[in-house]
Amino acid sequence: MPRTTPRPPTCTSCTPLGLVAALTLFAATGCGDDSAANDGDDIGDGTASDTDDPSAGSVDDSGDSGVDDSSGDDAGEGGVEIEPAPGGIRRMVRREFIATIDMLLGAEAAAAASPPVDTPQEGFDAVGAAVLALDSVAVEQYETTAAAIADATLANPARLAQTAPCVTASPGPACYTEVARDFGRLAFRRPLEDVEIELLSDVGVHGQDWGEGDFETGLRYELMAILQMPSFLYLVQLGEPDEASGYRRLDPYELATRMSIFLLGRGPDGAMLDLAEAGGLDDAAAIRETAQAMLATPQARAALAGFFDEYLRLDELETTAKNAELFPDFNQSLARSMRQETLLLVHDIVWQQDGDYRELFTADYTYIDDELATLYGVAAPDQAGIFERRDWPADQSRAGYLSQASFLTKQSSSLRNSPTRRGRFVQQSVLCTDIPPPPVGTVTTLPTLPDDATLRDQLLLHMEVESCATCHAPMDPIGFAFENFDAIGAYRLTEPNGTPVSSQGEIPGYGEWQNAQQLADIIAADPRMSVCFVNNLIRGELGHRETPGEADAIAELDARFGDAGFSVQTLLTEFPNSPLFQLVDEPK
């Protein structure tokens, strides 16, 4: 039975929180973890919830959901059952904040921006930004960065003048109103109410008085106030009552904002707001056309790279620790090359080929520079620092991202490779499979083993213990496929004790493999893999964990993904038309 919920009333007499802080400022001035003790054993009670993978824990597996395609060409316009996630607000994450400043005020202002560091949840910054409150240190950092951005803007006001020409053409008290109205509309991603314009103008006027008549002093404080306002820092996703669905549908400005954040990694520009205001996002065809235009921009490539940085944990490589005595070749420069190698593979598949996403896991080639060439034992490019495409060595049985050094390095300990970490990442982040935490009271201490025992021997013994097998049986056999690769991804044939490496693994009912290449083929054919990619987009871009009520809509979107040959560009184009994207439930 469709139901409607009232939209929260607009408060026309309220002072926005950020402005209260700004005015107060004037008044105050007179106006299973691999720990050091357990490094690399992968058998402690932290293995199912290691802090380097915040997504550990219960995950909804919607891979078996049926596909209801009765919605025809316009996803989300009836025919797909959905109980959408609650509406609400979430903070812009660090990269979105900086990219938005770049769009608003230019490169110099963006270079001055230093917002607080994000705290991920479910493996993604956007989820953390939706559920975690700011502490006092973060609030102070927003004030500091707002001041730095304002100073950089005033040093070169031409960019701001594109939005508010008065800042260079006719500086004076009346200009504060123009800045509030026109720049405020871009910053808040919607038209401002009269009371907001008046209050922000007053900040500029008071600032000018405090600066003994200096216009720039007032403009500086007005910009600082705008950049600290919740309406700038937070993405509003409350929606309006929607009779057809019984839930709430994003209004045109909210939809424009969500599309810009999702596809471009920043807030909407003036043209996008104008389009929303003129009804240019009112039907599926228009939304699809707009999304396609967005995807043709360099910002779309940068935004998707930012998503994969998080999803594949590439942004953590430079801070990954390795024992210098065991891995003397590992350093920040090599870590940067590892990250770039993976992003080049993503770029090739998604943008150059517009190809099959599954090739990310099956590609028989990679991209290497001179440092990676040494690591992999292949011919180096002719020029140092240049990346070139190379086929994987035939005798190393490598395939795709899961054979690249970025994955193999991040999902290892500082002392040795880790079948458990590697297998856990595949199950949780690639297949979205639930890995339960260890049962309460689980004893993780193993009996004494012979000196020539390998890590594989230890883990196989571990899986013979019923309480341990619950967690390790789904993870470790997958991790065994990568035993030919050490903790920084170099190929090896023997264990440290000289025992020949075995990369054979098997999970009953799932498959058997002899090496990483064979496992990659199994993963690519697993229908959970593409559904999980959709789930990760929901987490990383929409900022919430997928819910059981969204399962049918996820399955419908996944079906479109498959019908398009698993083209990521098509998936990104279709996503904004999905009820997953456009509908929200009551805020909670």
Foldseek 3Di string as FASTA:
>chain_A
DFAWDAFPDDDPPDDFPLLVVLQVVLVVVVRLECDPVNFFLCQDLCLQCYPVQQLRFAFDQLLPPDAFQVVPPFFPQDRFFFAAAFFWKFFQAPLQLLVQLCQLQNDQLSVLADADHADDHSLARLQSRRPPDDDPVRLVSLLVSLLSSLVSCVVPVPRNCVQQVCVPVPQDLVSQLSCCQGSLCQQLLHGDDPVSSVSLSVQLVSQCVVVVNDNSSSVSSSSSSSSSGCSRRMQGTFAHIDRSRSFGFGQLSSLLQLLCCLQQVYGDDPVSSVCSVVCQCVGLVSLLVVSLVSNVDPSRLVSVLVLCCRLLVLVCQQVAAADCVVCVLDHNVVSVQLSVFLSVVVCCAFPVVLAAPLQQLAPQKIKGAPSVCVQQVHDHDPDHPDIDIDGRPPVQLGGHDLLGLSLQQVQGGNYKTHQSSSQSCCQCRQLVHHQHRQPPPDDSDDPDDDPLDDSLNVLVVQCVDPSSVSRSVSGNLLSLQQQQAMNRNHGHQADPSRHGRFSWGDDPPQDIDGHSNVVSVSSSPDSSRLLSVLQSSCCHSVNHGDDPSCSNLSSNLSVQCVVVNNRVSVSSSSVSSHCNNTGHHHHD
